Amino acid sequence: MDKKLRDYIKEIEKASKNPSAELIEYHKTMTAQFQHERFIHLIVTMFFALYMFLSFAMFLFTAIYLTGNYGAIISSCLGIVTLILVIVTLFYIRHYYQLENGTQKLEEITKKLYKL
């Protein structure tokens, strides 16, 4: 999605030098699609962050209160799950950040198109 957004920004910046009604309508449609994509990724990112925090809380609980072999096994598994969720959440945050910045660039281009 990042590549598609960057390519579209380059394409619309070139095309915005000669704006037309069709171009403005096309740009409004594409901007709405990118904003929808951004919103969906925000929801997914928030759920992954929630699952990460819940997993971390369960890890802490099992590490503190469960003892013995089973407690160590469960705590280790939850630690691995928490680590995986931290990594995935960081990648989702990075991706959402790029979508957010790209969408803001599209909004600036929209303002330029309507001023012309």
Protein backbone atom coordinates (compact mmCIF):
# COMPACT_ATOMS: atom_id res chain seq x y z
CA MET A 1 0.00 0.00 0.00
CA ASP A 2 2.88 2.37 0.70
CA LYS A 3 4.20 1.99 -2.83
CA LYS A 4 0.73 2.48 -4.31
CA LEU A 5 0.26 5.67 -2.29
CA ARG A 6 3.69 7.06 -3.22
CA ASP A 7 3.10 6.27 -6.90
CA TYR A 8 -0.31 7.94 -6.80
CA ILE A 9 1.13 11.06 -5.12
CA LYS A 10 3.76 11.37 -7.85
CA GLU A 11 1.12 10.82 -10.53
CA ILE A 12 -1.34 13.37 -9.15
CA GLU A 13 1.36 16.00 -8.56
CA LYS A 14 2.26 15.80 -12.24
CA ALA A 15 -1.36 15.83 -13.34
CA SER A 16 -2.32 18.68 -11.02
CA LYS A 17 -0.46 21.14 -13.25
CA ASN A 18 -3.33 20.83 -15.74
CA PRO A 19 -6.41 20.22 -13.59
CA SER A 20 -9.77 19.23 -15.01
CA ALA A 21 -13.12 18.26 -13.54
CA GLU A 22 -12.39 14.59 -14.25
CA LEU A 23 -9.04 14.80 -12.47
CA ILE A 24 -10.60 16.41 -9.40
CA GLU A 25 -13.32 13.74 -9.26
CA TYR A 26 -10.75 10.96 -9.69
CA HIS A 27 -8.60 12.51 -6.99
CA LYS A 28 -11.54 12.76 -4.59
CA THR A 29 -12.30 9.06 -5.13
CA MET A 30 -8.70 7.97 -4.63
CA THR A 31 -8.32 10.14 -1.54
CA ALA A 32 -11.46 8.60 -0.04
CA GLN A 33 -10.08 5.12 -0.72
CA PHE A 34 -6.76 5.94 0.92
CA GLN A 35 -8.54 7.49 3.90
CA HIS A 36 -10.64 4.34 4.26
CA GLU A 37 -7.48 2.23 4.14
CA ARG A 38 -5.91 4.45 6.78
CA PHE A 39 -8.95 4.08 9.05
CA ILE A 40 -8.94 0.28 8.74
CA HIS A 41 -5.23 0.19 9.58
CA LEU A 42 -5.85 2.41 12.60
CA ILE A 43 -8.40 -0.08 13.92
CA VAL A 44 -6.09 -3.04 13.27
CA THR A 45 -3.17 -1.25 14.92
CA MET A 46 -5.24 -0.45 18.00
CA PHE A 47 -6.39 -4.07 18.34
CA PHE A 48 -2.85 -5.38 18.02
CA ALA A 49 -1.69 -2.89 20.65
CA LEU A 50 -4.55 -3.97 22.92
CA TYR A 51 -3.67 -7.65 22.47
CA MET A 52 -0.02 -6.83 23.11
CA PHE A 53 -0.82 -5.11 26.42
CA LEU A 54 -3.18 -7.90 27.49
CA SER A 55 -0.56 -10.49 26.64
CA PHE A 56 2.05 -8.54 28.58
CA ALA A 57 -0.27 -8.29 31.59
CA MET A 58 -0.92 -12.05 31.47
CA PHE A 59 2.82 -12.66 31.16
CA LEU A 60 3.51 -10.55 34.24
CA PHE A 61 0.72 -12.26 36.16
CA THR A 62 1.98 -15.75 35.34
CA ALA A 63 5.60 -14.78 36.02
CA ILE A 64 4.71 -13.43 39.47
CA TYR A 65 1.96 -15.75 40.72
CA LEU A 66 2.46 -19.13 39.02
CA THR A 67 5.23 -21.34 40.27
CA GLY A 68 6.60 -24.70 39.28
CA ASN A 69 7.18 -26.23 35.88
CA TYR A 70 3.76 -25.35 34.48
CA GLY A 71 4.10 -21.75 35.56
CA ALA A 72 7.48 -21.45 33.87
CA ILE A 73 6.17 -23.03 30.65
CA ILE A 74 3.08 -20.83 30.52
CA SER A 75 5.13 -17.74 31.37
CA SER A 76 7.68 -18.55 28.65
CA CYS A 77 4.97 -19.08 26.04
CA LEU A 78 3.27 -15.83 26.98
CA GLY A 79 6.63 -14.06 26.85
CA ILE A 80 7.18 -15.30 23.30
CA VAL A 81 3.65 -14.31 22.26
CA THR A 82 4.16 -10.87 23.81
CA LEU A 83 7.45 -10.40 21.96
CA ILE A 84 5.83 -11.37 18.65
CA LEU A 85 2.96 -8.96 19.27
CA VAL A 86 5.39 -6.14 20.13
CA ILE A 87 7.23 -6.65 16.84
CA VAL A 88 4.02 -6.85 14.79
CA THR A 89 2.59 -3.79 16.54
CA LEU A 90 5.73 -1.78 15.78
CA PHE A 91 5.46 -2.66 12.10
CA TYR A 92 1.75 -1.72 12.08
CA ILE A 93 2.55 1.62 13.73
CA ARG A 94 5.22 2.32 11.11
CA HIS A 95 2.82 1.42 8.29
CA TYR A 96 0.03 3.55 9.76
CA TYR A 97 2.45 6.47 10.14
CA GLN A 98 3.29 6.29 6.44
CA LEU A 99 -0.40 6.08 5.49
CA GLU A 100 -1.20 9.07 7.67
CA ASN A 101 1.56 11.21 6.16
CA GLY A 102 0.59 10.16 2.63
CA THR A 103 -3.05 11.03 3.25
CA GLN A 104 -2.05 14.44 4.56
CA LYS A 105 -0.05 15.03 1.36
CA LEU A 106 -3.16 14.11 -0.63
CA GLU A 107 -5.17 16.66 1.32
CA GLU A 108 -2.60 19.35 0.46
CA ILE A 109 -2.86 18.39 -3.20
CA THR A 110 -6.66 18.62 -2.94
CA LYS A 111 -6.37 22.16 -1.61
CA LYS A 112 -4.09 23.07 -4.53
CA LEU A 113 -6.51 21.56 -7.04
CA TYR A 114 -9.46 23.51 -5.69
CA LYS A 115 -7.52 26.78 -5.55
CA LEU A 116 -6.79 26.45 -9.24
